[in-house]
Amino acid sequence: MNFQKHSHRYGEIILNSSLKVKHEIESVVESISVDMIEQEHQNSLGVAKERGKKGSVGKQAALNNIFRGKFAERGWVAEKRIFEGEDQDLKMDFWKPDFGIDVAFNHRSFIGGDLLRLQAASEVRNLIDVGIYICSTKKFLKYISPKDCNSLVSFERTKWYLENFGPVITTPVYLIGLDP
């Protein structure tokens, strides 16, 4: 899969200090294809049908499953808690020391909370040096969820948030937008 990128507060430069991790992240993104997404989506529809349920129309869950599998294969910790305690639900999708990844194929109202979660992981808990935020470009959202494409997180909207809330979002972020 092709992708666009944006570096907030030198996120890419900091990530370049660990080229192995950067290449690992980018290779995961590049290894995903539209055919892979379609196959995962069809599989999930089959499972839903077997359970007597209606499957998801959008392909967000399929993408999340693919990312979960690919990052797990590379030793990333899934669902890393930012704060200790069972009642704490702030989590990064994937984590390795100094790096946190959030994969966002959800409603655009979550952008602020997602970025705040990366901010807390960096500035409050000192778990990461840079956050990686993976979402989709507006163009690709039309494939992922044609019905909801205007209400989902997009690369362009997230980039706008980072540019306009720079004084507030002080954590370095490497933004990746899936772009077929």
Protein backbone atom coordinates (compact mmCIF):
# COMPACT_ATOMS: atom_id res chain seq x y z
CA MET A 1 0.00 0.00 0.00
CA ASN A 2 1.24 3.45 -0.81
CA PHE A 3 1.09 6.10 1.88
CA GLN A 4 1.47 9.78 2.54
CA LYS A 5 3.36 11.01 5.55
CA HIS A 6 3.60 14.10 7.69
CA SER A 7 6.08 14.84 10.43
CA HIS A 8 4.89 16.81 13.45
CA ARG A 9 7.52 18.27 15.80
CA TYR A 10 10.31 16.33 14.07
CA GLY A 11 8.55 12.99 14.48
CA GLU A 12 10.15 11.52 11.37
CA ILE A 13 13.63 12.74 12.31
CA ILE A 14 13.31 11.16 15.75
CA LEU A 15 11.98 7.96 14.19
CA ASN A 16 14.98 8.00 11.82
CA SER A 17 17.20 7.58 14.87
CA SER A 18 15.85 4.03 14.93
CA LEU A 19 15.72 3.19 11.23
CA LYS A 20 14.98 -0.46 11.97
CA VAL A 21 11.72 0.49 13.69
CA LYS A 22 10.83 3.02 10.97
CA HIS A 23 11.42 0.45 8.23
CA GLU A 24 9.44 -2.12 10.20
CA ILE A 25 6.42 0.21 10.45
CA GLU A 26 6.61 1.28 6.82
CA SER A 27 7.05 -2.32 5.63
CA VAL A 28 3.87 -3.30 7.48
CA VAL A 29 1.99 -0.49 5.73
CA GLU A 30 3.51 -1.31 2.34
CA SER A 31 2.70 -5.03 2.71
CA ILE A 32 -1.04 -4.41 2.88
CA SER A 33 -3.00 -4.60 -0.35
CA VAL A 34 -6.57 -3.91 -1.37
CA ASP A 35 -6.93 -7.64 -2.15
CA MET A 36 -5.76 -8.51 1.38
CA ILE A 37 -8.29 -6.09 2.88
CA GLU A 38 -11.07 -7.48 0.69
CA GLN A 39 -10.23 -11.07 1.62
CA GLU A 40 -10.16 -10.27 5.35
CA HIS A 41 -13.47 -8.43 5.00
CA GLN A 42 -15.10 -11.35 3.19
CA ASN A 43 -13.81 -13.76 5.85
CA SER A 44 -15.32 -11.64 8.62
CA LEU A 45 -18.63 -11.50 6.73
CA GLY A 46 -18.60 -15.31 6.54
CA VAL A 47 -17.96 -15.64 10.26
CA ALA A 48 -20.76 -13.17 11.04
CA LYS A 49 -23.14 -15.07 8.78
CA GLU A 50 -22.28 -18.37 10.50
CA ARG A 51 -23.17 -16.74 13.82
CA GLY A 52 -26.46 -15.51 12.41
CA LYS A 53 -25.37 -11.89 12.44
CA LYS A 54 -25.11 -9.20 9.85
CA GLY A 55 -21.51 -8.38 8.98
CA SER A 56 -19.95 -4.95 8.87
CA VAL A 57 -20.44 -2.98 5.65
CA GLY A 58 -17.23 -0.98 6.06
CA LYS A 59 -13.78 -2.52 5.95
CA GLN A 60 -12.39 -0.82 9.07
CA ALA A 61 -12.46 -4.01 11.16
CA ALA A 62 -10.67 -5.92 8.40
CA LEU A 63 -7.89 -3.31 8.35
CA ASN A 64 -7.58 -3.36 12.13
CA ASN A 65 -7.29 -7.18 12.09
CA ILE A 66 -4.59 -7.04 9.44
CA PHE A 67 -2.57 -4.45 11.35
CA ARG A 68 -2.99 -6.42 14.60
CA GLY A 69 -1.61 -9.56 12.99
CA LYS A 70 1.29 -7.87 11.22
CA PHE A 71 2.50 -5.86 14.22
CA ALA A 72 2.14 -8.89 16.52
CA GLU A 73 4.35 -10.89 14.13
CA ARG A 74 7.02 -8.25 14.61
CA GLY A 75 6.89 -8.29 18.41
CA TRP A 76 4.84 -5.16 19.07
CA VAL A 77 2.82 -5.22 22.29
CA ALA A 78 -0.89 -4.78 21.55
CA GLU A 79 -3.16 -2.66 23.74
CA LYS A 80 -0.36 -1.20 25.88
CA ARG A 81 -1.81 0.57 28.91
CA ILE A 82 -0.58 4.10 29.33
CA PHE A 83 -1.49 4.23 33.02
CA GLU A 84 -1.28 1.29 35.41
CA GLY A 85 -4.41 -0.22 36.90
CA GLU A 86 -7.24 -2.40 35.68
CA ASP A 87 -9.68 0.50 35.63
CA GLN A 88 -7.44 2.54 33.32
CA ASP A 89 -8.52 2.24 29.70
CA LEU A 90 -6.09 4.58 27.95
CA LYS A 91 -4.15 2.30 25.63
CA MET A 92 -1.93 2.56 22.59
CA ASP A 93 -2.78 0.09 19.85
CA PHE A 94 0.84 -1.09 19.56
CA TRP A 95 3.97 -0.38 21.54
CA LYS A 96 7.68 -1.02 21.58
CA PRO A 97 10.01 0.85 23.91
CA ASP A 98 10.10 4.50 22.81
CA PHE A 99 7.44 4.06 20.08
CA GLY A 100 3.65 3.99 20.21
CA ILE A 101 1.27 3.37 17.33
CA ASP A 102 -2.38 4.30 17.06
CA VAL A 103 -4.31 2.87 14.11
CA ALA A 104 -7.41 4.97 13.46
CA PHE A 105 -10.23 3.89 11.17
CA ASN A 106 -12.97 5.23 13.40
CA HIS A 107 -15.12 8.36 13.68
CA ARG A 108 -13.25 11.63 13.26
CA SER A 109 -14.40 12.83 16.67
CA PHE A 110 -11.75 10.50 18.14
CA ILE A 111 -8.77 12.36 16.61
CA GLY A 112 -8.30 14.68 19.59
CA GLY A 113 -8.49 11.83 22.09
CA ASP A 114 -6.11 9.70 20.05
CA LEU A 115 -3.54 12.49 19.90
CA LEU A 116 -4.01 13.22 23.61
CA ARG A 117 -3.37 9.54 24.34
CA LEU A 118 -0.04 9.75 22.48
CA GLN A 119 0.69 12.98 24.36
CA ALA A 120 0.07 11.26 27.71
CA ALA A 121 2.25 8.29 26.72
CA SER A 122 5.08 10.67 25.89
CA GLU A 123 4.87 13.66 28.20
CA VAL A 124 3.17 12.19 31.28
CA ARG A 125 4.33 8.56 31.36
CA ASN A 126 7.56 8.79 29.32
CA LEU A 127 6.72 5.56 27.45
CA ILE A 128 7.42 6.89 23.96
CA ASP A 129 9.66 9.37 22.20
CA VAL A 130 7.46 9.54 19.12
CA GLY A 131 3.90 8.53 18.32
CA ILE A 132 2.96 6.97 14.99
CA TYR A 133 -0.60 7.64 13.87
CA ILE A 134 -1.89 5.50 11.00
CA CYS A 135 -5.12 6.42 9.25
CA SER A 136 -6.44 6.73 5.71
CA THR A 137 -6.45 9.50 3.14
CA LYS A 138 -9.84 10.87 2.10
CA LYS A 139 -9.42 9.14 -1.25
CA PHE A 140 -8.93 5.72 0.35
CA LEU A 141 -11.79 6.24 2.83
CA LYS A 142 -14.17 6.03 -0.13
CA TYR A 143 -13.07 2.41 -0.53
CA ILE A 144 -12.92 1.53 3.16
CA SER A 145 -16.38 2.83 3.96
CA PRO A 146 -18.19 4.62 1.12
CA LYS A 147 -21.24 5.32 3.27
CA ASP A 148 -19.30 6.86 6.18
CA CYS A 149 -16.20 8.21 4.42
CA ASN A 150 -16.90 11.84 5.34
CA SER A 151 -17.23 11.09 9.05
CA LEU A 152 -14.10 8.98 9.56
CA VAL A 153 -10.59 9.97 10.64
CA SER A 154 -8.59 11.10 7.63
CA PHE A 155 -4.93 11.90 7.05
CA GLU A 156 -5.85 15.38 5.86
CA ARG A 157 -7.97 16.22 8.92
CA THR A 158 -5.39 14.79 11.33
CA LYS A 159 -2.64 16.78 9.64
CA TRP A 160 -4.80 19.91 10.07
CA TYR A 161 -5.17 19.12 13.80
CA LEU A 162 -1.42 18.72 14.18
CA GLU A 163 -0.67 21.94 12.31
CA ASN A 164 -3.27 24.02 14.14
CA PHE A 165 -2.84 22.61 17.63
CA GLY A 166 0.96 22.43 17.53
CA PRO A 167 1.40 24.46 20.73
CA VAL A 168 -0.84 21.97 22.56
CA ILE A 169 0.26 18.71 20.93
CA THR A 170 3.93 18.79 21.83
CA THR A 171 4.63 15.11 21.29
CA PRO A 172 6.47 14.31 18.06
CA VAL A 173 4.12 12.43 15.73
CA TYR A 174 4.80 10.58 12.50
CA LEU A 175 1.49 10.62 10.63
CA ILE A 176 0.87 7.96 7.96
CA GLY A 177 -2.08 8.09 5.56
CA LEU A 178 -2.95 4.97 3.57
CA ASP A 179 -3.23 5.93 -0.08
CA PRO A 180 -3.76 3.17 -2.66
